[in-house]
C-alpha atoms as a PDB file:
ATOM      1  CA  MET A   1       0.254  -0.100  -0.126  1.00  0.00           C
ATOM      2  CA  LYS A   2       1.265   3.469  -1.103  1.00  0.00           C
ATOM      3  CA  ILE A   3       1.491   6.278   2.071  1.00  0.00           C
ATOM      4  CA  ARG A   4       1.510   9.554   1.243  1.00  0.00           C
ATOM      5  CA  PHE A   5       2.039  12.425   2.822  1.00  0.00           C
ATOM      6  CA  GLY A   6       0.892  15.744   2.639  1.00  0.00           C
ATOM      7  CA  ASN A   7       0.245  19.032   3.943  1.00  0.00           C
ATOM      8  CA  ILE A   8       2.741  19.283   6.689  1.00  0.00           C
ATOM      9  CA  ALA A   9       1.728  15.456   7.701  1.00  0.00           C
ATOM     10  CA  ASP A  10       4.483  14.995   5.492  1.00  0.00           C
ATOM     11  CA  THR A  11       7.358  17.539   7.199  1.00  0.00           C
ATOM     12  CA  LEU A  12       6.330  15.888  10.543  1.00  0.00           C
ATOM     13  CA  VAL A  13       7.034  12.242   9.668  1.00  0.00           C
ATOM     14  CA  GLY A  14       9.957  13.676   7.361  1.00  0.00           C
ATOM     15  CA  VAL A  15       8.529  11.431   3.726  1.00  0.00           C
ATOM     16  CA  LYS A  16       5.808  12.804   1.352  1.00  0.00           C
ATOM     17  CA  GLU A  17       5.297   9.037   0.454  1.00  0.00           C
ATOM     18  CA  ILE A  18       6.358   5.282   1.394  1.00  0.00           C
ATOM     19  CA  GLU A  19       4.973   1.473   0.297  1.00  0.00           C
ATOM     20  CA  VAL A  20       4.563  -1.256   2.664  1.00  0.00           C
ATOM     21  CA  GLN A  21       3.058  -4.321   2.382  1.00  0.00           C
ATOM     22  CA  GLU A  22       1.351  -4.175   5.126  1.00  0.00           C
ATOM     23  CA  SER A  23      -3.185  -4.005   5.701  1.00  0.00           C
ATOM     24  CA  SER A  24      -4.089  -2.876   8.799  1.00  0.00           C
ATOM     25  CA  LEU A  25      -3.573   0.117  10.461  1.00  0.00           C
ATOM     26  CA  LYS A  26      -1.161  -1.103  13.273  1.00  0.00           C
ATOM     27  CA  LYS A  27       0.616  -3.093  10.959  1.00  0.00           C
ATOM     28  CA  ILE A  28       0.644  -0.257   8.958  1.00  0.00           C
ATOM     29  CA  PHE A  29       2.340   2.444  11.112  1.00  0.00           C
ATOM     30  CA  GLN A  30       4.836  -0.726  12.565  1.00  0.00           C
ATOM     31  CA  SER A  31       6.772  -0.735   9.458  1.00  0.00           C
ATOM     32  CA  ILE A  32       6.877   2.730   8.790  1.00  0.00           C
ATOM     33  CA  SER A  33       8.100   3.638  12.528  1.00  0.00           C
ATOM     34  CA  GLN A  34      10.686   0.684  11.545  1.00  0.00           C
ATOM     35  CA  SER A  35      11.475   1.870   8.141  1.00  0.00           C
ATOM     36  CA  LEU A  36      12.236   5.060   9.300  1.00  0.00           C
ATOM     37  CA  ASN A  37      13.409   4.273  12.411  1.00  0.00           C
ATOM     38  CA  LYS A  38      11.612   6.712  14.998  1.00  0.00           C
ATOM     39  CA  ARG A  39       7.434   6.811  16.189  1.00  0.00           C
ATOM     40  CA  VAL A  40       5.009   7.059  13.335  1.00  0.00           C
ATOM     41  CA  GLU A  41       1.423   6.055  14.830  1.00  0.00           C
ATOM     42  CA  LEU A  42      -2.137   6.990  13.668  1.00  0.00           C
ATOM     43  CA  ILE A  43      -4.529   7.674  16.498  1.00  0.00           C
ATOM     44  CA  VAL A  44      -8.320   6.470  14.970  1.00  0.00           C
ATOM     45  CA  ASP A  45     -10.400   8.417  17.962  1.00  0.00           C
ATOM     46  CA  GLU A  46     -14.071   6.629  17.305  1.00  0.00           C
ATOM     47  CA  LYS A  47     -15.250   8.327  20.444  1.00  0.00           C
ATOM     48  CA  GLU A  48     -14.911  11.874  19.001  1.00  0.00           C
ATOM     49  CA  GLU A  49     -14.481  10.829  15.831  1.00  0.00           C
ATOM     50  CA  SER A  50     -11.023  11.973  14.709  1.00  0.00           C
ATOM     51  CA  VAL A  51      -7.945  10.769  14.067  1.00  0.00           C
ATOM     52  CA  TYR A  52      -4.942  12.106  14.744  1.00  0.00           C
ATOM     53  CA  LEU A  53      -0.768  11.492  13.525  1.00  0.00           C
ATOM     54  CA  LEU A  54       1.099  11.367  16.148  1.00  0.00           C
ATOM     55  CA  ALA A  55       5.184  11.343  14.912  1.00  0.00           C
ATOM     56  CA  GLU A  56       8.591  11.614  16.545  1.00  0.00           C
ATOM     57  CA  LYS A  57      10.843  14.819  15.962  1.00  0.00           C
ATOM     58  CA  ASP A  58      14.173  15.700  17.733  1.00  0.00           C
ATOM     59  CA  GLY A  59      13.200  12.951  20.441  1.00  0.00           C
ATOM     60  CA  LYS A  60       9.628  14.674  21.007  1.00  0.00           C
ATOM     61  CA  LEU A  61       6.643  13.357  19.817  1.00  0.00           C
ATOM     62  CA  SER A  62       3.808  15.535  18.369  1.00  0.00           C
ATOM     63  CA  LYS A  63       0.175  15.003  17.795  1.00  0.00           C
ATOM     64  CA  SER A  64      -1.916  16.835  14.872  1.00  0.00           C
ATOM     65  CA  TRP A  65      -5.370  16.600  13.895  1.00  0.00           C
ATOM     66  CA  VAL A  66      -5.337  14.785  10.184  1.00  0.00           C
ATOM     67  CA  VAL A  67      -7.552  13.874   7.668  1.00  0.00           C
ATOM     68  CA  ALA A  68      -7.211   9.586   6.691  1.00  0.00           C
ATOM     69  CA  LEU A  69      -7.689   8.644   3.545  1.00  0.00           C
ATOM     70  CA  ASN A  70      -8.055   5.372   2.114  1.00  0.00           C
ATOM     71  CA  ASN A  71      -8.324   5.145  -1.714  1.00  0.00           C
ATOM     72  CA  GLY A  72     -10.927   8.551  -0.718  1.00  0.00           C
ATOM     73  CA  ILE A  73     -12.817   7.065   1.689  1.00  0.00           C
ATOM     74  CA  ASN A  74     -12.708   8.323   5.973  1.00  0.00           C
ATOM     75  CA  ILE A  75     -10.764   6.233   7.534  1.00  0.00           C
ATOM     76  CA  LEU A  76     -13.502   6.205  10.218  1.00  0.00           C
ATOM     77  CA  ASP A  77     -16.051   4.597   7.694  1.00  0.00           C
ATOM     78  CA  ALA A  78     -13.354   1.846   7.313  1.00  0.00           C
ATOM     79  CA  ASP A  79     -11.817  -1.277   8.186  1.00  0.00           C
ATOM     80  CA  VAL A  80      -8.306  -0.369   9.410  1.00  0.00           C
ATOM     81  CA  ASN A  81      -7.878  -4.507  10.232  1.00  0.00           C
ATOM     82  CA  SER A  82      -8.047  -4.554   6.459  1.00  0.00           C
ATOM     83  CA  LEU A  83      -7.753  -1.781   4.457  1.00  0.00           C
ATOM     84  CA  ARG A  84      -8.326  -1.567   0.616  1.00  0.00           C
ATOM     85  CA  GLU A  85      -5.875  -2.034  -1.396  1.00  0.00           C
ATOM     86  CA  GLY A  86      -4.556   1.232  -2.873  1.00  0.00           C
ATOM     87  CA  GLU A  87      -3.345   4.097  -1.452  1.00  0.00           C
ATOM     88  CA  LEU A  88      -3.897   6.138   2.595  1.00  0.00           C
ATOM     89  CA  VAL A  89      -3.460   9.895   1.888  1.00  0.00           C
ATOM     90  CA  ILE A  90      -2.387  12.442   5.457  1.00  0.00           C
ATOM     91  CA  PHE A  91      -2.839  15.524   5.617  1.00  0.00           C
ATOM     92  CA  VAL A  92      -4.124  18.026   8.342  1.00  0.00           C
ATOM     93  CA  PRO A  93      -6.260  19.912   6.876  1.00  0.00           C
ATOM     94  CA  VAL A  94      -5.985  24.212   7.414  1.00  0.00           C
ATOM     95  CA  SER A  95      -8.191  26.872   6.555  1.00  0.00           C
ATOM     96  CA  GLY A  96      -7.712  30.601   5.322  1.00  0.00           C
ATOM     97  CA  GLY A  97     -10.084  33.860   4.421  1.00  0.00           C
END
């Protein structure tokens, strides 16, 4: 599966794109953490209907609210134990005026 980080999330993680062979969210981020040699985790809070990206940088953990889409479907509406093959896009939503 191709994982794409965009709009500030790439800065937090340190890469724009990475490929893994996993399909469960937990295993995907274990693989990413191992590849990047730092902690990277996606936390899905179903109760709050929010998704957070946790990333280690310079020995500190940063937590940001993000939107995660598996082939265009919000991760909150997906089975995180068996994501659909394709891509997972993670980004920090921004707005302006």
